[in-house]
Protein backbone atom coordinates (compact mmCIF):
# COMPACT_ATOMS: atom_id res chain seq x y z
CA GLY A 1 105.34 104.50 230.70
CA VAL A 2 108.38 102.24 230.39
CA SER A 3 109.82 102.06 226.85
CA VAL A 4 109.29 98.71 225.05
CA ALA A 5 112.88 98.74 224.30
CA PHE A 6 113.28 97.31 228.35
CA ASP A 7 111.33 94.29 227.51
CA PHE A 8 114.08 92.67 225.33
CA ALA A 9 117.04 94.31 227.73
CA THR A 10 119.30 91.87 229.68
CA SER A 11 119.17 92.46 233.60
CA GLN A 12 122.59 93.98 233.39
CA ASP A 13 121.06 96.89 230.86
CA LEU A 14 118.42 97.45 233.19
CA VAL A 15 120.55 97.86 236.19
CA ASN A 16 122.86 100.05 234.54
CA SER A 17 119.91 102.15 233.19
CA LEU A 18 118.66 102.73 236.50
CA ARG A 19 122.03 103.79 237.94
CA GLU A 20 122.71 106.16 235.13
CA HIS A 21 119.07 107.52 235.68
CA ALA A 22 119.87 107.96 239.44
CA GLY A 23 123.15 109.80 238.64
CA PHE A 24 125.25 106.78 239.36
CA PRO A 25 128.03 105.53 236.87
CA ALA A 26 126.93 102.06 235.25
CA SER A 27 128.66 98.92 236.90
CA GLY A 28 131.18 97.70 234.44
CA ALA A 29 131.72 101.70 233.23
CA GLY A 30 135.40 101.66 234.78
CA LYS A 31 136.69 99.47 232.11
CA LEU A 32 134.85 101.67 229.31
CA LYS A 33 135.87 104.84 230.73
CA SER A 34 139.72 103.95 231.00
CA GLN A 35 139.56 102.69 227.30
CA CYS A 36 138.06 105.73 226.05
CA LYS A 37 140.41 107.79 228.24
CA GLU A 38 143.09 106.03 226.03
CA ARG A 39 141.60 107.02 222.71
CA GLY A 40 141.08 110.98 223.59
CA ILE A 41 136.91 110.14 223.89
CA PRO A 42 135.28 112.34 226.47
CA PHE A 43 133.64 109.65 228.56
CA GLU A 44 131.74 112.17 230.59
CA ARG A 45 130.27 114.26 228.13
CA LEU A 46 128.44 111.31 226.16
CA SER A 47 125.73 108.72 227.47
CA LEU A 48 127.25 105.06 228.07
CA GLU A 49 125.61 103.68 224.98
CA GLN A 50 127.31 106.50 222.97
CA ALA A 51 130.42 106.23 224.50
CA ARG A 52 130.39 102.21 223.87
CA GLN A 53 129.26 102.77 220.26
CA ILE A 54 132.16 105.60 219.21
CA LEU A 55 134.78 103.12 221.15
CA HIS A 56 133.60 100.27 219.11
CA GLU A 57 133.72 101.99 215.87
CA ALA A 58 137.39 103.46 216.97
CA GLN A 59 138.47 99.70 217.51
CA GLN A 60 137.24 98.87 214.25
CA MET A 61 139.22 101.72 212.64
CA GLU A 62 141.99 100.47 214.61
CA GLY A 63 141.98 97.31 212.70
CA SER A 64 141.41 98.50 209.49
CA LYS A 65 143.74 98.77 206.74
CA VAL A 66 145.43 102.45 205.56
CA SER A 67 143.58 102.35 202.31
CA GLU A 68 140.13 102.01 204.22
CA LEU A 69 141.11 105.03 206.51
CA LYS A 70 142.01 106.82 203.29
CA LYS A 71 138.21 106.30 202.14
CA MET A 72 136.77 107.30 205.25
CA TYR A 73 138.98 110.59 205.29
CA GLU A 74 137.83 111.34 201.81
CA ARG A 75 134.15 110.82 202.65
CA TRP A 76 135.14 113.81 204.88
CA GLY A 77 136.80 115.81 203.09
CA LEU A 78 140.00 115.66 204.58
CA ALA A 79 143.40 115.74 202.64
CA PHE A 80 145.32 112.72 203.00
CA GLU A 81 149.11 114.02 203.63
CA ALA A 82 152.39 111.99 203.21
CA GLY A 83 153.64 110.46 206.05
CA LEU A 84 150.23 110.62 207.79
CA GLU A 85 150.36 107.57 210.72
CA LYS A 86 147.40 105.32 210.78
CA SER A 87 147.09 106.40 214.76
CA GLU A 88 146.83 109.85 213.64
CA MET A 89 144.20 108.78 211.12
CA VAL A 90 142.20 107.00 213.46
CA ARG A 91 142.36 109.71 216.17
CA ASN A 92 141.11 112.42 213.89
CA LEU A 93 138.20 110.21 212.82
CA THR A 94 137.59 109.14 216.17
CA ASN A 95 137.38 113.07 217.11
CA ILE A 96 134.66 113.45 214.26
CA LEU A 97 132.86 110.50 215.77
CA VAL A 98 132.78 112.17 218.92
CA TRP A 99 131.65 115.59 217.45
CA GLN A 100 128.60 113.52 215.88
CA GLN A 101 127.66 112.43 219.38
CA LEU A 102 128.20 115.30 221.47
CA PRO A 103 125.45 117.10 223.00
CA LEU A 104 124.79 120.59 221.11
CA ASP A 105 126.15 122.69 223.70
CA ALA A 106 129.15 120.63 224.20
CA LEU A 107 129.74 120.67 220.65
CA HIS A 108 129.44 124.41 220.71
CA GLU A 109 132.11 124.70 223.26
CA VAL A 110 134.60 122.68 221.07
CA CYS A 111 133.86 125.12 218.22
CA LYS A 112 134.70 128.18 220.69
CA GLN A 113 137.92 126.31 221.60
CA LYS A 114 138.82 126.15 217.98
CA SER A 115 137.78 129.45 217.25
CA VAL A 116 135.22 128.32 215.36
CA PRO A 117 131.92 130.76 214.46
CA THR A 118 128.69 128.89 215.60
CA LEU A 119 126.49 131.99 215.28
CA SER A 120 125.81 131.37 211.12
CA ALA A 121 125.81 127.64 211.41
CA PRO A 122 122.36 126.17 210.88
CA SER A 123 122.89 122.39 211.62
CA ARG A 124 125.36 120.12 213.64
CA ASP A 125 126.68 118.74 210.29
CA ASN A 126 127.53 122.62 209.36
CA LEU A 127 129.20 122.78 212.76
CA ILE A 128 131.29 119.50 212.06
CA HIS A 129 132.51 120.57 208.67
CA ARG A 130 133.78 123.63 210.15
CA LEU A 131 135.65 122.15 213.00
CA ILE A 132 137.09 119.76 210.31
CA ALA A 133 138.26 122.64 208.16
CA ALA A 134 139.65 124.71 211.30
CA SER A 135 141.67 121.02 212.68
CA TRP A 136 142.96 119.75 209.52
CA ASN A 137 143.73 120.26 206.04
CA THR A 138 140.53 119.64 203.56
CA SER A 139 140.61 118.53 200.43
CA GLY A 140 137.34 120.18 199.76
CA ALA A 141 133.58 119.05 200.55
CA PRO A 142 132.94 115.70 201.52
CA SER A 143 131.95 113.25 198.64
CA SER A 144 128.40 112.54 197.98
CA ARG A 145 126.97 109.83 196.37
CA TYR A 146 125.28 112.20 193.87
CA SER A 147 128.71 114.12 193.17
CA ASN A 148 128.94 113.44 189.30
CA PHE A 149 125.40 114.56 188.98
CA PHE A 150 125.76 117.74 190.90
CA ASP A 151 129.24 118.40 189.84
CA ASN A 152 128.24 118.43 186.12
CA VAL A 153 125.11 120.49 186.58
CA ASN A 154 126.91 122.76 188.91
CA ASN A 155 129.92 123.06 186.31
CA THR A 156 127.90 124.02 183.45
CA ASN A 157 125.75 126.49 185.32
CA GLN A 158 128.86 128.33 186.78
CA GLN A 159 130.29 128.60 183.36
CA GLN A 160 127.39 129.95 182.13
CA GLN A 161 126.34 132.25 185.15
CA LYS A 162 129.86 133.34 186.72
CA PRO A 163 132.63 135.83 185.04
CA LYS A 164 136.06 135.21 186.17
CA SER A 165 137.21 137.44 189.25
CA SER A 166 140.65 138.11 190.56
CA ALA A 167 139.22 138.81 193.93
CA PRO A 168 138.84 135.69 196.08
CA PRO A 169 135.53 134.52 197.33
CA THR A 170 134.30 136.47 200.04
CA ASP A 171 132.57 133.83 202.06
CA GLU A 172 135.26 131.78 203.85
CA TRP A 173 133.45 128.91 204.65
CA ASP A 174 132.45 128.15 200.78
CA TRP A 175 135.21 125.34 200.08
CA GLU A 176 134.03 124.93 196.69
CA ALA A 177 134.30 128.48 195.43
CA ARG A 178 137.43 128.97 197.02
CA ALA A 179 139.02 125.78 195.64
CA ALA A 180 137.98 126.65 192.20
CA TRP A 181 139.28 130.71 192.48
CA ASN A 182 142.60 128.75 193.84
CA ARG A 183 142.88 126.53 190.75
CA ALA A 184 142.09 129.35 188.33
CA GLN A 185 144.82 131.74 189.66
CA TYR A 186 147.21 128.48 190.06
CA GLN A 187 146.53 127.78 186.22
CA SER A 188 146.88 131.64 185.09
CA GLY A 189 150.36 131.65 186.76
CA ASN A 190 149.67 133.53 190.03
CA ARG A 191 151.36 131.18 192.21
CA ALA A 192 152.12 133.22 195.38
């Protein structure tokens, strides 16, 4: 059967869907492809709709204020560094959008190129967070709307259960434990 979504599609959308299904590029895709190429969006690895969506979001970010981009950075756990250009922020955030849409095998290729282990990563989100940590400076885990609640619960549990250790955490992907250990070392005067 044919999807109900096609009942409301324009004739151009129907033609493009047929062209893509037959292995041909969609008509009008040349302009989209060139705009994607300008922004580093891998058009060939994405569906036409995914490329269109990422391009639209990238264009919105280009028109955003730096303060809005900073908020997006914070949500992903990226550290905002002094002197960071707006165009670089947009490019980094666009890369994250691409990673979210890439087929899983293509995402694994990106991980391999950046020497990010994929075997122990149970989910796409986990892979994306590992790619972020491998690609840019991070300020910790991405923020959560539940952060105040869980931070307080986690802090009281950690204070009651964990003795202070002079050795760094062994799990290199446990950002919170690593950050807590680094803060404790810094506060104790161990600033090497």
